[in-house]
PDB file of N, CA and C in Angstrom:
ATOM      1  N   MET A   1      15.132  10.733  23.786  1.00  0.00           N
ATOM      2  CA  MET A   1      13.980  10.141  24.439  1.00  0.00           C
ATOM      3  C   MET A   1      13.728   8.795  23.783  1.00  0.00           C
ATOM      4  N   ALA A   2      13.319   7.821  24.536  1.00  0.00           N
ATOM      5  CA  ALA A   2      13.075   6.485  24.012  1.00  0.00           C
ATOM      6  C   ALA A   2      11.816   5.923  24.651  1.00  0.00           C
ATOM      7  N   ASP A   3      11.290   4.912  24.010  1.00  0.00           N
ATOM      8  CA  ASP A   3      10.104   4.234  24.514  1.00  0.00           C
ATOM      9  C   ASP A   3      10.447   2.754  24.614  1.00  0.00           C
ATOM     10  N   ILE A   4       9.674   2.016  25.371  1.00  0.00           N
ATOM     11  CA  ILE A   4       9.902   0.584  25.518  1.00  0.00           C
ATOM     12  C   ILE A   4       9.035  -0.165  24.515  1.00  0.00           C
ATOM     13  N   GLY A   5       9.653  -1.021  23.718  1.00  0.00           N
ATOM     14  CA  GLY A   5       8.933  -1.791  22.712  1.00  0.00           C
ATOM     15  C   GLY A   5       8.166  -2.950  23.330  1.00  0.00           C
ATOM     16  N   HIS A   6       7.442  -3.681  22.477  1.00  0.00           N
ATOM     17  CA  HIS A   6       6.581  -4.765  22.971  1.00  0.00           C
ATOM     18  C   HIS A   6       7.359  -5.920  23.577  1.00  0.00           C
ATOM     19  N   ARG A   7       8.636  -6.064  23.274  1.00  0.00           N
ATOM     20  CA  ARG A   7       9.440  -7.138  23.858  1.00  0.00           C
ATOM     21  C   ARG A   7      10.342  -6.621  24.973  1.00  0.00           C
ATOM     22  N   GLY A   8      10.152  -5.362  25.362  1.00  0.00           N
ATOM     23  CA  GLY A   8      10.970  -4.807  26.429  1.00  0.00           C
ATOM     24  C   GLY A   8      12.223  -4.111  25.937  1.00  0.00           C
ATOM     25  N   ASP A   9      12.474  -4.137  24.607  1.00  0.00           N
ATOM     26  CA  ASP A   9      13.658  -3.461  24.096  1.00  0.00           C
ATOM     27  C   ASP A   9      13.370  -1.965  23.934  1.00  0.00           C
ATOM     28  N   VAL A  10      14.418  -1.163  23.940  1.00  0.00           N
ATOM     29  CA  VAL A  10      14.268   0.279  23.830  1.00  0.00           C
ATOM     30  C   VAL A  10      14.082   0.650  22.362  1.00  0.00           C
ATOM     31  N   VAL A  11      13.036   1.429  22.092  1.00  0.00           N
ATOM     32  CA  VAL A  11      12.750   1.903  20.743  1.00  0.00           C
ATOM     33  C   VAL A  11      13.000   3.403  20.724  1.00  0.00           C
ATOM     34  N   PRO A  12      14.101   3.838  20.118  1.00  0.00           N
ATOM     35  CA  PRO A  12      14.414   5.260  20.147  1.00  0.00           C
ATOM     36  C   PRO A  12      13.522   6.053  19.207  1.00  0.00           C
ATOM     37  N   GLY A  13      13.251   7.290  19.583  1.00  0.00           N
ATOM     38  CA  GLY A  13      12.561   8.208  18.693  1.00  0.00           C
ATOM     39  C   GLY A  13      13.603   8.982  17.904  1.00  0.00           C
ATOM     40  N   THR A  14      13.139   9.899  17.107  1.00  0.00           N
ATOM     41  CA  THR A  14      14.015  10.731  16.307  1.00  0.00           C
ATOM     42  C   THR A  14      13.689  12.180  16.600  1.00  0.00           C
ATOM     43  N   GLU A  15      14.721  13.001  16.712  1.00  0.00           N
ATOM     44  CA  GLU A  15      14.507  14.413  16.987  1.00  0.00           C
ATOM     45  C   GLU A  15      14.262  15.156  15.674  1.00  0.00           C
ATOM     46  N   TYR A  16      13.222  15.982  15.669  1.00  0.00           N
ATOM     47  CA  TYR A  16      12.863  16.775  14.502  1.00  0.00           C
ATOM     48  C   TYR A  16      12.772  18.234  14.884  1.00  0.00           C
ATOM     49  N   GLU A  17      12.948  19.091  13.881  1.00  0.00           N
ATOM     50  CA  GLU A  17      12.770  20.519  14.065  1.00  0.00           C
ATOM     51  C   GLU A  17      11.811  21.022  12.985  1.00  0.00           C
ATOM     52  N   VAL A  18      10.779  21.727  13.422  1.00  0.00           N
ATOM     53  CA  VAL A  18       9.786  22.298  12.528  1.00  0.00           C
ATOM     54  C   VAL A  18       9.923  23.812  12.601  1.00  0.00           C
ATOM     55  N   THR A  19      10.074  24.460  11.457  1.00  0.00           N
ATOM     56  CA  THR A  19      10.110  25.920  11.420  1.00  0.00           C
ATOM     57  C   THR A  19       8.747  26.403  10.961  1.00  0.00           C
ATOM     58  N   VAL A  20       8.156  27.309  11.739  1.00  0.00           N
ATOM     59  CA  VAL A  20       6.822  27.832  11.433  1.00  0.00           C
ATOM     60  C   VAL A  20       6.868  29.354  11.371  1.00  0.00           C
ATOM     61  N   THR A  21       5.861  29.922  10.724  1.00  0.00           N
ATOM     62  CA  THR A  21       5.740  31.367  10.619  1.00  0.00           C
ATOM     63  C   THR A  21       5.163  31.939  11.908  1.00  0.00           C
ATOM     64  N   GLY A  22       5.761  33.014  12.402  1.00  0.00           N
ATOM     65  CA  GLY A  22       5.236  33.707  13.568  1.00  0.00           C
ATOM     66  C   GLY A  22       5.545  33.016  14.883  1.00  0.00           C
ATOM     67  N   ARG A  23       4.808  33.420  15.891  1.00  0.00           N
ATOM     68  CA  ARG A  23       4.963  32.881  17.244  1.00  0.00           C
ATOM     69  C   ARG A  23       3.773  31.991  17.564  1.00  0.00           C
ATOM     70  N   PRO A  24       4.014  30.775  17.999  1.00  0.00           N
ATOM     71  CA  PRO A  24       2.901  29.873  18.303  1.00  0.00           C
ATOM     72  C   PRO A  24       2.165  30.292  19.573  1.00  0.00           C
ATOM     73  N   GLY A  25       0.853  30.169  19.538  1.00  0.00           N
ATOM     74  CA  GLY A  25       0.040  30.475  20.706  1.00  0.00           C
ATOM     75  C   GLY A  25      -0.079  29.280  21.624  1.00  0.00           C
ATOM     76  N   PRO A  26      -0.827  29.417  22.703  1.00  0.00           N
ATOM     77  CA  PRO A  26      -0.953  28.350  23.696  1.00  0.00           C
ATOM     78  C   PRO A  26      -1.567  27.064  23.144  1.00  0.00           C
ATOM     79  N   ARG A  27      -2.494  27.171  22.186  1.00  0.00           N
ATOM     80  CA  ARG A  27      -3.106  25.958  21.609  1.00  0.00           C
ATOM     81  C   ARG A  27      -2.081  25.142  20.832  1.00  0.00           C
ATOM     82  N   VAL A  28      -1.197  25.822  20.112  1.00  0.00           N
ATOM     83  CA  VAL A  28      -0.154  25.128  19.352  1.00  0.00           C
ATOM     84  C   VAL A  28       0.823  24.465  20.309  1.00  0.00           C
ATOM     85  N   LEU A  29       1.251  25.192  21.315  1.00  0.00           N
ATOM     86  CA  LEU A  29       2.207  24.633  22.275  1.00  0.00           C
ATOM     87  C   LEU A  29       1.610  23.450  23.028  1.00  0.00           C
ATOM     88  N   ALA A  30       0.319  23.511  23.341  1.00  0.00           N
ATOM     89  CA  ALA A  30      -0.342  22.402  24.029  1.00  0.00           C
ATOM     90  C   ALA A  30      -0.421  21.166  23.141  1.00  0.00           C
ATOM     91  N   ALA A  31      -0.444  21.362  21.818  1.00  0.00           N
ATOM     92  CA  ALA A  31      -0.510  20.238  20.881  1.00  0.00           C
ATOM     93  C   ALA A  31       0.845  19.544  20.719  1.00  0.00           C
ATOM     94  N   LEU A  32       1.911  20.187  21.195  1.00  0.00           N
ATOM     95  CA  LEU A  32       3.265  19.645  21.041  1.00  0.00           C
ATOM     96  C   LEU A  32       3.972  19.566  22.390  1.00  0.00           C
ATOM     97  N   PRO A  33       3.464  18.768  23.317  1.00  0.00           N
ATOM     98  CA  PRO A  33       4.098  18.688  24.631  1.00  0.00           C
ATOM     99  C   PRO A  33       5.531  18.165  24.532  1.00  0.00           C
ATOM    100  N   GLY A  34       6.408  18.786  25.272  1.00  0.00           N
ATOM    101  CA  GLY A  34       7.798  18.348  25.291  1.00  0.00           C
ATOM    102  C   GLY A  34       8.659  18.973  24.209  1.00  0.00           C
ATOM    103  N   PHE A  35       8.070  19.764  23.308  1.00  0.00           N
ATOM    104  CA  PHE A  35       8.854  20.409  22.262  1.00  0.00           C
ATOM    105  C   PHE A  35       9.493  21.681  22.808  1.00  0.00           C
ATOM    106  N   GLU A  36      10.728  21.914  22.406  1.00  0.00           N
ATOM    107  CA  GLU A  36      11.442  23.138  22.749  1.00  0.00           C
ATOM    108  C   GLU A  36      11.036  24.220  21.750  1.00  0.00           C
ATOM    109  N   VAL A  37      10.831  25.440  22.208  1.00  0.00           N
ATOM    110  CA  VAL A  37      10.406  26.547  21.353  1.00  0.00           C
ATOM    111  C   VAL A  37      11.557  27.544  21.253  1.00  0.00           C
ATOM    112  N   LEU A  38      12.010  27.790  20.027  1.00  0.00           N
ATOM    113  CA  LEU A  38      13.117  28.714  19.779  1.00  0.00           C
ATOM    114  C   LEU A  38      12.641  29.793  18.816  1.00  0.00           C
ATOM    115  N   CYS A  39      12.430  31.002  19.297  1.00  0.00           N
ATOM    116  CA  CYS A  39      11.975  32.110  18.455  1.00  0.00           C
ATOM    117  C   CYS A  39      13.184  32.758  17.789  1.00  0.00           C
ATOM    118  N   THR A  40      13.045  33.091  16.507  1.00  0.00           N
ATOM    119  CA  THR A  40      14.131  33.732  15.777  1.00  0.00           C
ATOM    120  C   THR A  40      13.841  35.217  15.620  1.00  0.00           C
ATOM    121  N   GLU A  41      14.858  35.977  15.282  1.00  0.00           N
ATOM    122  CA  GLU A  41      14.694  37.415  15.081  1.00  0.00           C
ATOM    123  C   GLU A  41      13.914  37.723  13.810  1.00  0.00           C
ATOM    124  N   GLN A  42      13.817  36.787  12.893  1.00  0.00           N
ATOM    125  CA  GLN A  42      13.147  37.000  11.626  1.00  0.00           C
ATOM    126  C   GLN A  42      11.642  36.752  11.700  1.00  0.00           C
ATOM    127  N   GLY A  43      11.099  36.547  12.912  1.00  0.00           N
ATOM    128  CA  GLY A  43       9.667  36.338  13.059  1.00  0.00           C
ATOM    129  C   GLY A  43       9.217  34.910  12.825  1.00  0.00           C
ATOM    130  N   HIS A  44      10.146  33.987  12.875  1.00  0.00           N
ATOM    131  CA  HIS A  44       9.822  32.574  12.724  1.00  0.00           C
ATOM    132  C   HIS A  44      10.058  31.883  14.061  1.00  0.00           C
ATOM    133  N   THR A  45       9.545  30.683  14.175  1.00  0.00           N
ATOM    134  CA  THR A  45       9.754  29.900  15.390  1.00  0.00           C
ATOM    135  C   THR A  45      10.191  28.502  14.998  1.00  0.00           C
ATOM    136  N   ARG A  46      11.182  27.997  15.693  1.00  0.00           N
ATOM    137  CA  ARG A  46      11.614  26.612  15.506  1.00  0.00           C
ATOM    138  C   ARG A  46      11.097  25.797  16.689  1.00  0.00           C
ATOM    139  N   LEU A  47      10.411  24.734  16.369  1.00  0.00           N
ATOM    140  CA  LEU A  47       9.870  23.815  17.375  1.00  0.00           C
ATOM    141  C   LEU A  47      10.670  22.527  17.270  1.00  0.00           C
ATOM    142  N   ARG A  48      11.344  22.152  18.341  1.00  0.00           N
ATOM    143  CA  ARG A  48      12.220  20.979  18.300  1.00  0.00           C
ATOM    144  C   ARG A  48      11.769  19.964  19.338  1.00  0.00           C
ATOM    145  N   GLY A  49      11.630  18.712  18.896  1.00  0.00           N
ATOM    146  CA  GLY A  49      11.222  17.671  19.823  1.00  0.00           C
ATOM    147  C   GLY A  49      11.404  16.276  19.253  1.00  0.00           C
ATOM    148  N   TRP A  50      11.213  15.298  20.110  1.00  0.00           N
ATOM    149  CA  TRP A  50      11.376  13.893  19.757  1.00  0.00           C
ATOM    150  C   TRP A  50      10.038  13.326  19.283  1.00  0.00           C
ATOM    151  N   ILE A  51      10.102  12.630  18.163  1.00  0.00           N
ATOM    152  CA  ILE A  51       8.917  12.010  17.574  1.00  0.00           C
ATOM    153  C   ILE A  51       9.205  10.519  17.444  1.00  0.00           C
ATOM    154  N   GLN A  52       8.282   9.714  17.954  1.00  0.00           N
ATOM    155  CA  GLN A  52       8.522   8.279  18.088  1.00  0.00           C
ATOM    156  C   GLN A  52       8.629   7.540  16.756  1.00  0.00           C
ATOM    157  N   ASP A  53       7.707   7.798  15.816  1.00  0.00           N
ATOM    158  CA  ASP A  53       7.696   7.021  14.577  1.00  0.00           C
ATOM    159  C   ASP A  53       6.988   7.802  13.473  1.00  0.00           C
ATOM    160  N   GLN A  54       6.857   7.180  12.306  1.00  0.00           N
ATOM    161  CA  GLN A  54       6.258   7.831  11.141  1.00  0.00           C
ATOM    162  C   GLN A  54       4.815   8.269  11.419  1.00  0.00           C
ATOM    163  N   SER A  55       4.066   7.460  12.099  1.00  0.00           N
ATOM    164  CA  SER A  55       2.684   7.791  12.425  1.00  0.00           C
ATOM    165  C   SER A  55       2.615   9.038  13.306  1.00  0.00           C
ATOM    166  N   ALA A  56       3.473   9.111  14.296  1.00  0.00           N
ATOM    167  CA  ALA A  56       3.513  10.284  15.172  1.00  0.00           C
ATOM    168  C   ALA A  56       3.962  11.521  14.402  1.00  0.00           C
ATOM    169  N   LEU A  57       4.888  11.365  13.482  1.00  0.00           N
ATOM    170  CA  LEU A  57       5.348  12.470  12.645  1.00  0.00           C
ATOM    171  C   LEU A  57       4.190  13.033  11.822  1.00  0.00           C
ATOM    172  N   GLN A  58       3.418  12.156  11.214  1.00  0.00           N
ATOM    173  CA  GLN A  58       2.259  12.584  10.437  1.00  0.00           C
ATOM    174  C   GLN A  58       1.226  13.264  11.330  1.00  0.00           C
ATOM    175  N   GLY A  59       1.099  12.795  12.555  1.00  0.00           N
ATOM    176  CA  GLY A  59       0.185  13.415  13.506  1.00  0.00           C
ATOM    177  C   GLY A  59       0.589  14.836  13.858  1.00  0.00           C
ATOM    178  N   VAL A  60       1.886  15.088  14.001  1.00  0.00           N
ATOM    179  CA  VAL A  60       2.373  16.438  14.289  1.00  0.00           C
ATOM    180  C   VAL A  60       2.048  17.368  13.123  1.00  0.00           C
ATOM    181  N   VAL A  61       2.322  16.914  11.909  1.00  0.00           N
ATOM    182  CA  VAL A  61       2.037  17.735  10.734  1.00  0.00           C
ATOM    183  C   VAL A  61       0.537  18.014  10.629  1.00  0.00           C
ATOM    184  N   ARG A  62      -0.273  17.009  10.850  1.00  0.00           N
ATOM    185  CA  ARG A  62      -1.730  17.160  10.790  1.00  0.00           C
ATOM    186  C   ARG A  62      -2.217  18.135  11.868  1.00  0.00           C
ATOM    187  N   SER A  63      -1.701  18.003  13.089  1.00  0.00           N
ATOM    188  CA  SER A  63      -2.104  18.894  14.186  1.00  0.00           C
ATOM    189  C   SER A  63      -1.768  20.345  13.877  1.00  0.00           C
ATOM    190  N   LEU A  64      -0.572  20.586  13.362  1.00  0.00           N
ATOM    191  CA  LEU A  64      -0.185  21.948  13.022  1.00  0.00           C
ATOM    192  C   LEU A  64      -1.093  22.506  11.920  1.00  0.00           C
ATOM    193  N   GLY A  65      -1.380  21.696  10.920  1.00  0.00           N
ATOM    194  CA  GLY A  65      -2.277  22.125   9.852  1.00  0.00           C
ATOM    195  C   GLY A  65      -3.668  22.422  10.366  1.00  0.00           C
ATOM    196  N   ASP A  66      -4.191  21.563  11.239  1.00  0.00           N
ATOM    197  CA  ASP A  66      -5.518  21.767  11.813  1.00  0.00           C
ATOM    198  C   ASP A  66      -5.595  23.065  12.614  1.00  0.00           C
ATOM    199  N   LEU A  67      -4.456  23.478  13.192  1.00  0.00           N
ATOM    200  CA  LEU A  67      -4.417  24.704  13.986  1.00  0.00           C
ATOM    201  C   LEU A  67      -4.097  25.941  13.140  1.00  0.00           C
ATOM    202  N   GLY A  68      -3.956  25.744  11.835  1.00  0.00           N
ATOM    203  CA  GLY A  68      -3.710  26.865  10.935  1.00  0.00           C
ATOM    204  C   GLY A  68      -2.288  27.385  10.958  1.00  0.00           C
ATOM    205  N   VAL A  69      -1.343  26.554  11.384  1.00  0.00           N
ATOM    206  CA  VAL A  69       0.057  26.963  11.461  1.00  0.00           C
ATOM    207  C   VAL A  69       0.719  26.764  10.098  1.00  0.00           C
ATOM    208  N   ALA A  70       1.405  27.795   9.616  1.00  0.00           N
ATOM    209  CA  ALA A  70       2.127  27.714   8.348  1.00  0.00           C
ATOM    210  C   ALA A  70       3.506  27.103   8.589  1.00  0.00           C
ATOM    211  N   ILE A  71       3.727  25.898   8.075  1.00  0.00           N
ATOM    212  CA  ILE A  71       5.017  25.217   8.218  1.00  0.00           C
ATOM    213  C   ILE A  71       5.939  25.697   7.110  1.00  0.00           C
ATOM    214  N   GLU A  72       7.106  26.211   7.486  1.00  0.00           N
ATOM    215  CA  GLU A  72       8.098  26.668   6.519  1.00  0.00           C
ATOM    216  C   GLU A  72       9.168  25.618   6.253  1.00  0.00           C
ATOM    217  N   GLY A  73       9.416  24.771   7.226  1.00  0.00           N
ATOM    218  CA  GLY A  73      10.437  23.750   7.057  1.00  0.00           C
ATOM    219  C   GLY A  73      10.270  22.649   8.083  1.00  0.00           C
ATOM    220  N   PHE A  74      10.788  21.491   7.716  1.00  0.00           N
ATOM    221  CA  PHE A  74      10.702  20.326   8.592  1.00  0.00           C
ATOM    222  C   PHE A  74      11.960  19.526   8.343  1.00  0.00           C
ATOM    223  N   ARG A  75      12.710  19.244   9.398  1.00  0.00           N
ATOM    224  CA  ARG A  75      13.934  18.461   9.186  1.00  0.00           C
ATOM    225  C   ARG A  75      14.224  17.565  10.377  1.00  0.00           C
ATOM    226  N   ARG A  76      14.914  16.501  10.081  1.00  0.00           N
ATOM    227  CA  ARG A  76      15.392  15.607  11.130  1.00  0.00           C
ATOM    228  C   ARG A  76      16.699  16.158  11.661  1.00  0.00           C
ATOM    229  N   VAL A  77      16.832  16.201  12.968  1.00  0.00           N
ATOM    230  CA  VAL A  77      18.040  16.717  13.608  1.00  0.00           C
ATOM    231  C   VAL A  77      19.025  15.561  13.766  1.00  0.00           C
ATOM    232  N   ASP A  78      20.264  15.792  13.346  1.00  0.00           N
ATOM    233  CA  ASP A  78      21.264  14.732  13.520  1.00  0.00           C
ATOM    234  C   ASP A  78      22.189  15.054  14.674  1.00  0.00           C
ATOM    235  N   ASP A  79      23.117  14.185  14.934  1.00  0.00           N
ATOM    236  CA  ASP A  79      23.995  14.306  16.096  1.00  0.00           C
ATOM    237  C   ASP A  79      24.945  15.507  16.027  1.00  0.00           C
ATOM    238  N   THR A  80      25.115  16.095  14.861  1.00  0.00           N
ATOM    239  CA  THR A  80      26.051  17.212  14.734  1.00  0.00           C
ATOM    240  C   THR A  80      25.400  18.554  15.008  1.00  0.00           C
ATOM    241  N   ASP A  81      24.085  18.582  15.216  1.00  0.00           N
ATOM    242  CA  ASP A  81      23.371  19.848  15.482  1.00  0.00           C
ATOM    243  C   ASP A  81      23.499  20.266  16.921  1.00  0.00           C
TER     244      ASP A  81
END
């Protein structure tokens, strides 16, 4: 996913994956539009989506914390995943 910069050039985002404890409810999913939800057999959930920049990344972490979601891991997804 990409966005258009102020001069018309394409500004790519970066794909991230957040691993959280349990299954996210509707409020959590609504806070992360466009994220893919992958539930694991171990009772964890991986949320994968594109984040535009550092500010947006911090916003995702803050939103999850505000909703009481326990973050177990956070990683940038590379082209080999």
